[in-house]
Amino acid sequence: MQININVNQYEGNNFRHGYRGLNATDENNKRLLSDISGMSVVEFVEKALEQAVKSIVDNSGTAEAITVNLPAEVVLPAALQTHLNDKYSADPVVSSVTFA
């Protein structure tokens, strides 16, 4: 399964403040998650992984590898990547989590 993370920064104007939009879609461009409330990117990535696990359970229940495609401006430290892989790979429907 692929998770594609997109980050869009919107500038404010005289009528409203700026904000950041976060979106996660799967390989079929189906929306898994979106946020404009100001959630941190790390929290968003983890919630997207949770949604991916739910999707795997709903659709097949068989173990899948998850690849999280991050935009160039988002860099997760190696230790965090390892932590997220360990955490989600403990679920029998996730064989591995990698970041690209």
PDB file of N, CA and C in Angstrom:
ATOM      1  N   MET A   1       0.842  -1.176   0.000  1.00  0.00           N
ATOM      2  CA  MET A   1       0.000   0.000   0.000  1.00  0.00           C
ATOM      3  C   MET A   1       0.882   1.232   0.000  1.00  0.00           C
ATOM      4  N   GLN A   2       0.480   2.225  -0.751  1.00  0.00           N
ATOM      5  CA  GLN A   2       1.185   3.500  -0.808  1.00  0.00           C
ATOM      6  C   GLN A   2       0.360   4.568  -0.101  1.00  0.00           C
ATOM      7  N   ILE A   3       1.028   5.401   0.670  1.00  0.00           N
ATOM      8  CA  ILE A   3       0.402   6.584   1.248  1.00  0.00           C
ATOM      9  C   ILE A   3       1.175   7.782   0.714  1.00  0.00           C
ATOM     10  N   ASN A   4       0.462   8.678   0.064  1.00  0.00           N
ATOM     11  CA  ASN A   4       1.076   9.890  -0.476  1.00  0.00           C
ATOM     12  C   ASN A   4       0.679  11.069   0.398  1.00  0.00           C
ATOM     13  N   ILE A   5       1.668  11.712   0.995  1.00  0.00           N
ATOM     14  CA  ILE A   5       1.431  12.856   1.873  1.00  0.00           C
ATOM     15  C   ILE A   5       1.700  14.130   1.077  1.00  0.00           C
ATOM     16  N   ASN A   6       0.775  15.076   1.142  1.00  0.00           N
ATOM     17  CA  ASN A   6       0.934  16.385   0.504  1.00  0.00           C
ATOM     18  C   ASN A   6       0.769  17.473   1.546  1.00  0.00           C
ATOM     19  N   VAL A   7       1.632  18.480   1.459  1.00  0.00           N
ATOM     20  CA  VAL A   7       1.592  19.624   2.361  1.00  0.00           C
ATOM     21  C   VAL A   7       1.446  20.873   1.504  1.00  0.00           C
ATOM     22  N   ASN A   8       0.417  21.664   1.798  1.00  0.00           N
ATOM     23  CA  ASN A   8       0.196  22.925   1.084  1.00  0.00           C
ATOM     24  C   ASN A   8       0.082  24.048   2.092  1.00  0.00           C
ATOM     25  N   GLN A   9       0.877  25.103   1.896  1.00  0.00           N
ATOM     26  CA  GLN A   9       0.826  26.278   2.764  1.00  0.00           C
ATOM     27  C   GLN A   9       0.045  27.363   2.044  1.00  0.00           C
ATOM     28  N   TYR A  10      -0.977  27.889   2.695  1.00  0.00           N
ATOM     29  CA  TYR A  10      -1.816  28.929   2.105  1.00  0.00           C
ATOM     30  C   TYR A  10      -1.573  30.234   2.842  1.00  0.00           C
ATOM     31  N   GLU A  11      -1.312  31.278   2.089  1.00  0.00           N
ATOM     32  CA  GLU A  11      -1.051  32.577   2.688  1.00  0.00           C
ATOM     33  C   GLU A  11      -2.348  33.225   3.149  1.00  0.00           C
ATOM     34  N   GLY A  12      -2.222  34.020   4.182  1.00  0.00           N
ATOM     35  CA  GLY A  12      -3.372  34.767   4.670  1.00  0.00           C
ATOM     36  C   GLY A  12      -3.591  36.016   3.834  1.00  0.00           C
ATOM     37  N   ASN A  13      -4.702  36.674   4.088  1.00  0.00           N
ATOM     38  CA  ASN A  13      -5.000  37.949   3.441  1.00  0.00           C
ATOM     39  C   ASN A  13      -5.741  38.829   4.438  1.00  0.00           C
ATOM     40  N   ASN A  14      -6.351  39.895   3.986  1.00  0.00           N
ATOM     41  CA  ASN A  14      -7.051  40.810   4.894  1.00  0.00           C
ATOM     42  C   ASN A  14      -8.273  40.176   5.550  1.00  0.00           C
ATOM     43  N   PHE A  15      -8.776  39.086   4.986  1.00  0.00           N
ATOM     44  CA  PHE A  15     -10.013  38.502   5.474  1.00  0.00           C
ATOM     45  C   PHE A  15      -9.826  37.233   6.287  1.00  0.00           C
ATOM     46  N   ARG A  16      -8.678  36.571   6.132  1.00  0.00           N
ATOM     47  CA  ARG A  16      -8.431  35.374   6.934  1.00  0.00           C
ATOM     48  C   ARG A  16      -6.937  35.109   7.049  1.00  0.00           C
ATOM     49  N   HIS A  17      -6.576  34.345   8.079  1.00  0.00           N
ATOM     50  CA  HIS A  17      -5.176  34.040   8.338  1.00  0.00           C
ATOM     51  C   HIS A  17      -4.695  32.914   7.420  1.00  0.00           C
ATOM     52  N   GLY A  18      -3.400  32.770   7.332  1.00  0.00           N
ATOM     53  CA  GLY A  18      -2.839  31.673   6.556  1.00  0.00           C
ATOM     54  C   GLY A  18      -3.045  30.347   7.275  1.00  0.00           C
ATOM     55  N   TYR A  19      -2.929  29.290   6.547  1.00  0.00           N
ATOM     56  CA  TYR A  19      -3.066  27.958   7.143  1.00  0.00           C
ATOM     57  C   TYR A  19      -2.322  26.934   6.294  1.00  0.00           C
ATOM     58  N   ARG A  20      -2.146  25.759   6.873  1.00  0.00           N
ATOM     59  CA  ARG A  20      -1.491  24.653   6.177  1.00  0.00           C
ATOM     60  C   ARG A  20      -2.502  23.540   5.982  1.00  0.00           C
ATOM     61  N   GLY A  21      -2.530  23.009   4.787  1.00  0.00           N
ATOM     62  CA  GLY A  21      -3.395  21.875   4.489  1.00  0.00           C
ATOM     63  C   GLY A  21      -2.548  20.620   4.326  1.00  0.00           C
ATOM     64  N   LEU A  22      -2.940  19.558   5.014  1.00  0.00           N
ATOM     65  CA  LEU A  22      -2.258  18.268   4.921  1.00  0.00           C
ATOM     66  C   LEU A  22      -3.245  17.256   4.334  1.00  0.00           C
ATOM     67  N   ASN A  23      -2.785  16.493   3.364  1.00  0.00           N
ATOM     68  CA  ASN A  23      -3.631  15.473   2.744  1.00  0.00           C
ATOM     69  C   ASN A  23      -2.856  14.175   2.611  1.00  0.00           C
ATOM     70  N   ALA A  24      -3.556  13.073   2.804  1.00  0.00           N
ATOM     71  CA  ALA A  24      -2.985  11.740   2.595  1.00  0.00           C
ATOM     72  C   ALA A  24      -3.928  10.971   1.684  1.00  0.00           C
ATOM     73  N   THR A  25      -3.346  10.409   0.618  1.00  0.00           N
ATOM     74  CA  THR A  25      -4.127   9.589  -0.301  1.00  0.00           C
ATOM     75  C   THR A  25      -3.426   8.248  -0.490  1.00  0.00           C
ATOM     76  N   ASP A  26      -4.190   7.256  -0.937  1.00  0.00           N
ATOM     77  CA  ASP A  26      -3.578   5.954  -1.223  1.00  0.00           C
ATOM     78  C   ASP A  26      -3.147   5.906  -2.685  1.00  0.00           C
ATOM     79  N   GLU A  27      -2.681   4.753  -3.136  1.00  0.00           N
ATOM     80  CA  GLU A  27      -2.168   4.621  -4.509  1.00  0.00           C
ATOM     81  C   GLU A  27      -3.249   4.813  -5.569  1.00  0.00           C
ATOM     82  N   ASN A  28      -4.514   4.719  -5.172  1.00  0.00           N
ATOM     83  CA  ASN A  28      -5.626   4.939  -6.095  1.00  0.00           C
ATOM     84  C   ASN A  28      -6.179   6.354  -5.998  1.00  0.00           C
ATOM     85  N   ASN A  29      -5.450   7.221  -5.309  1.00  0.00           N
ATOM     86  CA  ASN A  29      -5.818   8.618  -5.080  1.00  0.00           C
ATOM     87  C   ASN A  29      -7.073   8.751  -4.209  1.00  0.00           C
ATOM     88  N   LYS A  30      -7.392   7.719  -3.441  1.00  0.00           N
ATOM     89  CA  LYS A  30      -8.499   7.779  -2.488  1.00  0.00           C
ATOM     90  C   LYS A  30      -8.001   8.489  -1.233  1.00  0.00           C
ATOM     91  N   ARG A  31      -8.747   9.468  -0.777  1.00  0.00           N
ATOM     92  CA  ARG A  31      -8.346  10.232   0.394  1.00  0.00           C
ATOM     93  C   ARG A  31      -8.420   9.361   1.652  1.00  0.00           C
ATOM     94  N   LEU A  32      -7.321   9.306   2.369  1.00  0.00           N
ATOM     95  CA  LEU A  32      -7.277   8.608   3.653  1.00  0.00           C
ATOM     96  C   LEU A  32      -7.513   9.567   4.799  1.00  0.00           C
ATOM     97  N   LEU A  33      -6.997  10.804   4.647  1.00  0.00           N
ATOM     98  CA  LEU A  33      -7.026  11.755   5.754  1.00  0.00           C
ATOM     99  C   LEU A  33      -6.719  13.144   5.231  1.00  0.00           C
ATOM    100  N   SER A  34      -7.318  14.160   5.848  1.00  0.00           N
ATOM    101  CA  SER A  34      -6.949  15.541   5.546  1.00  0.00           C
ATOM    102  C   SER A  34      -7.064  16.355   6.824  1.00  0.00           C
ATOM    103  N   ASP A  35      -6.306  17.455   6.869  1.00  0.00           N
ATOM    104  CA  ASP A  35      -6.306  18.294   8.066  1.00  0.00           C
ATOM    105  C   ASP A  35      -5.958  19.722   7.687  1.00  0.00           C
ATOM    106  N   ILE A  36      -6.702  20.674   8.254  1.00  0.00           N
ATOM    107  CA  ILE A  36      -6.352  22.088   8.144  1.00  0.00           C
ATOM    108  C   ILE A  36      -6.336  22.745   9.520  1.00  0.00           C
ATOM    109  N   SER A  37      -6.354  21.934  10.571  1.00  0.00           N
ATOM    110  CA  SER A  37      -6.435  22.466  11.932  1.00  0.00           C
ATOM    111  C   SER A  37      -5.087  22.850  12.517  1.00  0.00           C
ATOM    112  N   GLY A  38      -4.004  22.569  11.806  1.00  0.00           N
ATOM    113  CA  GLY A  38      -2.686  22.907  12.335  1.00  0.00           C
ATOM    114  C   GLY A  38      -1.977  21.737  12.983  1.00  0.00           C
ATOM    115  N   MET A  39      -2.432  20.519  12.716  1.00  0.00           N
ATOM    116  CA  MET A  39      -1.780  19.324  13.253  1.00  0.00           C
ATOM    117  C   MET A  39      -0.332  19.292  12.788  1.00  0.00           C
ATOM    118  N   SER A  40       0.564  18.792  13.634  1.00  0.00           N
ATOM    119  CA  SER A  40       1.964  18.668  13.220  1.00  0.00           C
ATOM    120  C   SER A  40       2.069  17.598  12.146  1.00  0.00           C
ATOM    121  N   VAL A  41       3.092  17.712  11.309  1.00  0.00           N
ATOM    122  CA  VAL A  41       3.296  16.757  10.227  1.00  0.00           C
ATOM    123  C   VAL A  41       3.501  15.354  10.784  1.00  0.00           C
ATOM    124  N   VAL A  42       4.236  15.238  11.888  1.00  0.00           N
ATOM    125  CA  VAL A  42       4.492  13.921  12.483  1.00  0.00           C
ATOM    126  C   VAL A  42       3.180  13.291  12.958  1.00  0.00           C
ATOM    127  N   GLU A  43       2.339  14.068  13.635  1.00  0.00           N
ATOM    128  CA  GLU A  43       1.038  13.548  14.063  1.00  0.00           C
ATOM    129  C   GLU A  43       0.212  13.118  12.851  1.00  0.00           C
ATOM    130  N   PHE A  44       0.259  13.917  11.803  1.00  0.00           N
ATOM    131  CA  PHE A  44      -0.519  13.619  10.608  1.00  0.00           C
ATOM    132  C   PHE A  44      -0.054  12.320   9.953  1.00  0.00           C
ATOM    133  N   VAL A  45       1.251  12.133   9.839  1.00  0.00           N
ATOM    134  CA  VAL A  45       1.785  10.903   9.248  1.00  0.00           C
ATOM    135  C   VAL A  45       1.324   9.696  10.060  1.00  0.00           C
ATOM    136  N   GLU A  46       1.365   9.809  11.391  1.00  0.00           N
ATOM    137  CA  GLU A  46       0.932   8.680  12.213  1.00  0.00           C
ATOM    138  C   GLU A  46      -0.557   8.407  12.052  1.00  0.00           C
ATOM    139  N   LYS A  47      -1.376   9.445  11.993  1.00  0.00           N
ATOM    140  CA  LYS A  47      -2.816   9.239  11.784  1.00  0.00           C
ATOM    141  C   LYS A  47      -3.088   8.644  10.397  1.00  0.00           C
ATOM    142  N   ALA A  48      -2.294   9.032   9.408  1.00  0.00           N
ATOM    143  CA  ALA A  48      -2.440   8.453   8.068  1.00  0.00           C
ATOM    144  C   ALA A  48      -2.103   6.964   8.101  1.00  0.00           C
ATOM    145  N   LEU A  49      -1.078   6.601   8.859  1.00  0.00           N
ATOM    146  CA  LEU A  49      -0.741   5.176   9.015  1.00  0.00           C
ATOM    147  C   LEU A  49      -1.887   4.427   9.688  1.00  0.00           C
ATOM    148  N   GLU A  50      -2.507   5.030  10.692  1.00  0.00           N
ATOM    149  CA  GLU A  50      -3.654   4.397  11.354  1.00  0.00           C
ATOM    150  C   GLU A  50      -4.788   4.166  10.352  1.00  0.00           C
ATOM    151  N   GLN A  51      -5.043   5.163   9.494  1.00  0.00           N
ATOM    152  CA  GLN A  51      -6.094   5.015   8.483  1.00  0.00           C
ATOM    153  C   GLN A  51      -5.746   3.929   7.486  1.00  0.00           C
ATOM    154  N   ALA A  52      -4.470   3.817   7.136  1.00  0.00           N
ATOM    155  CA  ALA A  52      -4.034   2.760   6.215  1.00  0.00           C
ATOM    156  C   ALA A  52      -4.281   1.394   6.811  1.00  0.00           C
ATOM    157  N   VAL A  53      -3.970   1.221   8.088  1.00  0.00           N
ATOM    158  CA  VAL A  53      -4.216  -0.064   8.759  1.00  0.00           C
ATOM    159  C   VAL A  53      -5.706  -0.378   8.732  1.00  0.00           C
ATOM    160  N   LYS A  54      -6.549   0.602   9.022  1.00  0.00           N
ATOM    161  CA  LYS A  54      -7.999   0.389   8.975  1.00  0.00           C
ATOM    162  C   LYS A  54      -8.435  -0.026   7.581  1.00  0.00           C
ATOM    163  N   SER A  55      -7.863   0.605   6.564  1.00  0.00           N
ATOM    164  CA  SER A  55      -8.209   0.278   5.186  1.00  0.00           C
ATOM    165  C   SER A  55      -7.801  -1.149   4.832  1.00  0.00           C
ATOM    166  N   ILE A  56      -6.613  -1.563   5.266  1.00  0.00           N
ATOM    167  CA  ILE A  56      -6.158  -2.932   5.012  1.00  0.00           C
ATOM    168  C   ILE A  56      -7.084  -3.935   5.691  1.00  0.00           C
ATOM    169  N   VAL A  57      -7.445  -3.671   6.924  1.00  0.00           N
ATOM    170  CA  VAL A  57      -8.351  -4.565   7.652  1.00  0.00           C
ATOM    171  C   VAL A  57      -9.698  -4.644   6.944  1.00  0.00           C
ATOM    172  N   ASP A  58     -10.226  -3.492   6.522  1.00  0.00           N
ATOM    173  CA  ASP A  58     -11.526  -3.456   5.849  1.00  0.00           C
ATOM    174  C   ASP A  58     -11.515  -4.183   4.506  1.00  0.00           C
ATOM    175  N   ASN A  59     -10.394  -4.114   3.796  1.00  0.00           N
ATOM    176  CA  ASN A  59     -10.366  -4.646   2.428  1.00  0.00           C
ATOM    177  C   ASN A  59      -9.898  -6.088   2.315  1.00  0.00           C
ATOM    178  N   SER A  60      -8.833  -6.447   3.009  1.00  0.00           N
ATOM    179  CA  SER A  60      -8.326  -7.801   2.803  1.00  0.00           C
ATOM    180  C   SER A  60      -7.918  -8.486   4.097  1.00  0.00           C
ATOM    181  N   GLY A  61      -7.318  -7.728   4.978  1.00  0.00           N
ATOM    182  CA  GLY A  61      -6.856  -8.312   6.226  1.00  0.00           C
ATOM    183  C   GLY A  61      -5.554  -9.079   6.096  1.00  0.00           C
ATOM    184  N   THR A  62      -4.988  -9.120   4.876  1.00  0.00           N
ATOM    185  CA  THR A  62      -3.714  -9.804   4.708  1.00  0.00           C
ATOM    186  C   THR A  62      -2.571  -8.795   4.847  1.00  0.00           C
ATOM    187  N   ALA A  63      -1.438  -9.282   5.293  1.00  0.00           N
ATOM    188  CA  ALA A  63      -0.300  -8.410   5.574  1.00  0.00           C
ATOM    189  C   ALA A  63       0.160  -7.672   4.314  1.00  0.00           C
ATOM    190  N   GLU A  64       0.389  -6.384   4.473  1.00  0.00           N
ATOM    191  CA  GLU A  64       0.861  -5.549   3.381  1.00  0.00           C
ATOM    192  C   GLU A  64       2.022  -4.696   3.855  1.00  0.00           C
ATOM    193  N   ALA A  65       2.904  -4.386   2.917  1.00  0.00           N
ATOM    194  CA  ALA A  65       3.964  -3.408   3.160  1.00  0.00           C
ATOM    195  C   ALA A  65       3.383  -2.032   2.857  1.00  0.00           C
ATOM    196  N   ILE A  66       3.688  -1.062   3.698  1.00  0.00           N
ATOM    197  CA  ILE A  66       3.209   0.303   3.506  1.00  0.00           C
ATOM    198  C   ILE A  66       4.409   1.183   3.175  1.00  0.00           C
ATOM    199  N   THR A  67       4.294   1.934   2.101  1.00  0.00           N
ATOM    200  CA  THR A  67       5.301   2.932   1.750  1.00  0.00           C
ATOM    201  C   THR A  67       4.668   4.304   1.895  1.00  0.00           C
ATOM    202  N   VAL A  68       5.292   5.153   2.701  1.00  0.00           N
ATOM    203  CA  VAL A  68       4.810   6.514   2.913  1.00  0.00           C
ATOM    204  C   VAL A  68       5.670   7.434   2.048  1.00  0.00           C
ATOM    205  N   ASN A  69       5.055   8.057   1.050  1.00  0.00           N
ATOM    206  CA  ASN A  69       5.750   8.991   0.167  1.00  0.00           C
ATOM    207  C   ASN A  69       5.594  10.402   0.727  1.00  0.00           C
ATOM    208  N   LEU A  70       6.711  10.966   1.159  1.00  0.00           N
ATOM    209  CA  LEU A  70       6.713  12.285   1.775  1.00  0.00           C
ATOM    210  C   LEU A  70       7.160  13.336   0.761  1.00  0.00           C
ATOM    211  N   PRO A  71       6.619  14.562   0.858  1.00  0.00           N
ATOM    212  CA  PRO A  71       7.120  15.623  -0.003  1.00  0.00           C
ATOM    213  C   PRO A  71       8.541  16.014   0.408  1.00  0.00           C
ATOM    214  N   ALA A  72       9.265  16.669  -0.490  1.00  0.00           N
ATOM    215  CA  ALA A  72      10.670  17.015  -0.251  1.00  0.00           C
ATOM    216  C   ALA A  72      10.863  17.849   1.008  1.00  0.00           C
ATOM    217  N   GLU A  73       9.900  18.674   1.352  1.00  0.00           N
ATOM    218  CA  GLU A  73      10.059  19.551   2.514  1.00  0.00           C
ATOM    219  C   GLU A  73       9.850  18.849   3.859  1.00  0.00           C
ATOM    220  N   VAL A  74       9.417  17.601   3.837  1.00  0.00           N
ATOM    221  CA  VAL A  74       9.200  16.845   5.073  1.00  0.00           C
ATOM    222  C   VAL A  74      10.292  15.785   5.190  1.00  0.00           C
ATOM    223  N   VAL A  75      11.084  15.899   6.243  1.00  0.00           N
ATOM    224  CA  VAL A  75      12.162  14.941   6.489  1.00  0.00           C
ATOM    225  C   VAL A  75      11.972  14.371   7.890  1.00  0.00           C
ATOM    226  N   LEU A  76      11.687  13.086   7.961  1.00  0.00           N
ATOM    227  CA  LEU A  76      11.564  12.429   9.258  1.00  0.00           C
ATOM    228  C   LEU A  76      12.913  11.830   9.643  1.00  0.00           C
ATOM    229  N   PRO A  77      13.374  12.088  10.851  1.00  0.00           N
ATOM    230  CA  PRO A  77      14.652  11.501  11.282  1.00  0.00           C
ATOM    231  C   PRO A  77      14.599   9.971  11.226  1.00  0.00           C
ATOM    232  N   ALA A  78      15.750   9.364  11.004  1.00  0.00           N
ATOM    233  CA  ALA A  78      15.833   7.900  10.892  1.00  0.00           C
ATOM    234  C   ALA A  78      15.276   7.211  12.133  1.00  0.00           C
ATOM    235  N   ALA A  79      15.535   7.773  13.306  1.00  0.00           N
ATOM    236  CA  ALA A  79      15.040   7.158  14.544  1.00  0.00           C
ATOM    237  C   ALA A  79      13.514   7.145  14.576  1.00  0.00           C
ATOM    238  N   LEU A  80      12.882   8.211  14.085  1.00  0.00           N
ATOM    239  CA  LEU A  80      11.421   8.260  14.050  1.00  0.00           C
ATOM    240  C   LEU A  80      10.881   7.273  13.019  1.00  0.00           C
ATOM    241  N   GLN A  81      11.537   7.170  11.881  1.00  0.00           N
ATOM    242  CA  GLN A  81      11.123   6.193  10.875  1.00  0.00           C
ATOM    243  C   GLN A  81      11.189   4.781  11.438  1.00  0.00           C
ATOM    244  N   THR A  82      12.261   4.476  12.142  1.00  0.00           N
ATOM    245  CA  THR A  82      12.418   3.151  12.759  1.00  0.00           C
ATOM    246  C   THR A  82      11.323   2.914  13.790  1.00  0.00           C
ATOM    247  N   HIS A  83      11.051   3.925  14.614  1.00  0.00           N
ATOM    248  CA  HIS A  83      10.005   3.805  15.636  1.00  0.00           C
ATOM    249  C   HIS A  83       8.644   3.511  14.994  1.00  0.00           C
ATOM    250  N   LEU A  84       8.292   4.278  13.948  1.00  0.00           N
ATOM    251  CA  LEU A  84       6.996   4.070  13.296  1.00  0.00           C
ATOM    252  C   LEU A  84       6.924   2.704  12.617  1.00  0.00           C
ATOM    253  N   ASN A  85       8.017   2.263  12.003  1.00  0.00           N
ATOM    254  CA  ASN A  85       8.047   0.926  11.410  1.00  0.00           C
ATOM    255  C   ASN A  85       7.837  -0.131  12.488  1.00  0.00           C
ATOM    256  N   ASP A  86       8.569  -0.028  13.594  1.00  0.00           N
ATOM    257  CA  ASP A  86       8.427  -1.004  14.678  1.00  0.00           C
ATOM    258  C   ASP A  86       7.013  -1.013  15.242  1.00  0.00           C
ATOM    259  N   LYS A  87       6.457   0.185  15.457  1.00  0.00           N
ATOM    260  CA  LYS A  87       5.120   0.296  16.047  1.00  0.00           C
ATOM    261  C   LYS A  87       4.048  -0.328  15.151  1.00  0.00           C
ATOM    262  N   TYR A  88       4.059   0.022  13.869  1.00  0.00           N
ATOM    263  CA  TYR A  88       2.990  -0.458  12.991  1.00  0.00           C
ATOM    264  C   TYR A  88       3.239  -1.863  12.473  1.00  0.00           C
ATOM    265  N   SER A  89       4.476  -2.294  12.385  1.00  0.00           N
ATOM    266  CA  SER A  89       4.769  -3.670  11.980  1.00  0.00           C
ATOM    267  C   SER A  89       4.383  -4.683  13.042  1.00  0.00           C
ATOM    268  N   ALA A  90       4.136  -4.220  14.254  1.00  0.00           N
ATOM    269  CA  ALA A  90       3.649  -5.118  15.306  1.00  0.00           C
ATOM    270  C   ALA A  90       2.234  -5.604  14.994  1.00  0.00           C
ATOM    271  N   ASP A  91       1.514  -4.881  14.140  1.00  0.00           N
ATOM    272  CA  ASP A  91       0.172  -5.286  13.728  1.00  0.00           C
ATOM    273  C   ASP A  91       0.314  -6.360  12.655  1.00  0.00           C
ATOM    274  N   PRO A  92      -0.406  -7.462  12.766  1.00  0.00           N
ATOM    275  CA  PRO A  92      -0.255  -8.550  11.790  1.00  0.00           C
ATOM    276  C   PRO A  92      -0.632  -8.178  10.353  1.00  0.00           C
ATOM    277  N   VAL A  93      -1.355  -7.075  10.130  1.00  0.00           N
ATOM    278  CA  VAL A  93      -1.708  -6.690   8.766  1.00  0.00           C
ATOM    279  C   VAL A  93      -0.672  -5.763   8.128  1.00  0.00           C
ATOM    280  N   VAL A  94       0.407  -5.455   8.848  1.00  0.00           N
ATOM    281  CA  VAL A  94       1.466  -4.590   8.320  1.00  0.00           C
ATOM    282  C   VAL A  94       2.778  -5.370   8.343  1.00  0.00           C
ATOM    283  N   SER A  95       3.330  -5.633   7.164  1.00  0.00           N
ATOM    284  CA  SER A  95       4.600  -6.358   7.124  1.00  0.00           C
ATOM    285  C   SER A  95       5.782  -5.414   7.297  1.00  0.00           C
ATOM    286  N   SER A  96       5.653  -4.169   6.838  1.00  0.00           N
ATOM    287  CA  SER A  96       6.711  -3.174   7.036  1.00  0.00           C
ATOM    288  C   SER A  96       6.188  -1.789   6.690  1.00  0.00           C
ATOM    289  N   VAL A  97       6.889  -0.779   7.207  1.00  0.00           N
ATOM    290  CA  VAL A  97       6.606   0.615   6.875  1.00  0.00           C
ATOM    291  C   VAL A  97       7.923   1.237   6.422  1.00  0.00           C
ATOM    292  N   THR A  98       7.927   1.778   5.216  1.00  0.00           N
ATOM    293  CA  THR A  98       9.117   2.471   4.712  1.00  0.00           C
ATOM    294  C   THR A  98       8.713   3.880   4.281  1.00  0.00           C
ATOM    295  N   PHE A  99       9.700   4.751   4.234  1.00  0.00           N
ATOM    296  CA  PHE A  99       9.475   6.148   3.891  1.00  0.00           C
ATOM    297  C   PHE A  99      10.289   6.505   2.652  1.00  0.00           C
ATOM    298  N   ALA A 100       9.645   7.185   1.735  1.00  0.00           N
ATOM    299  CA  ALA A 100      10.309   7.593   0.491  1.00  0.00           C
ATOM    300  C   ALA A 100      10.120   9.078   0.268  1.00  0.00           C
TER     301      ALA A 100
END
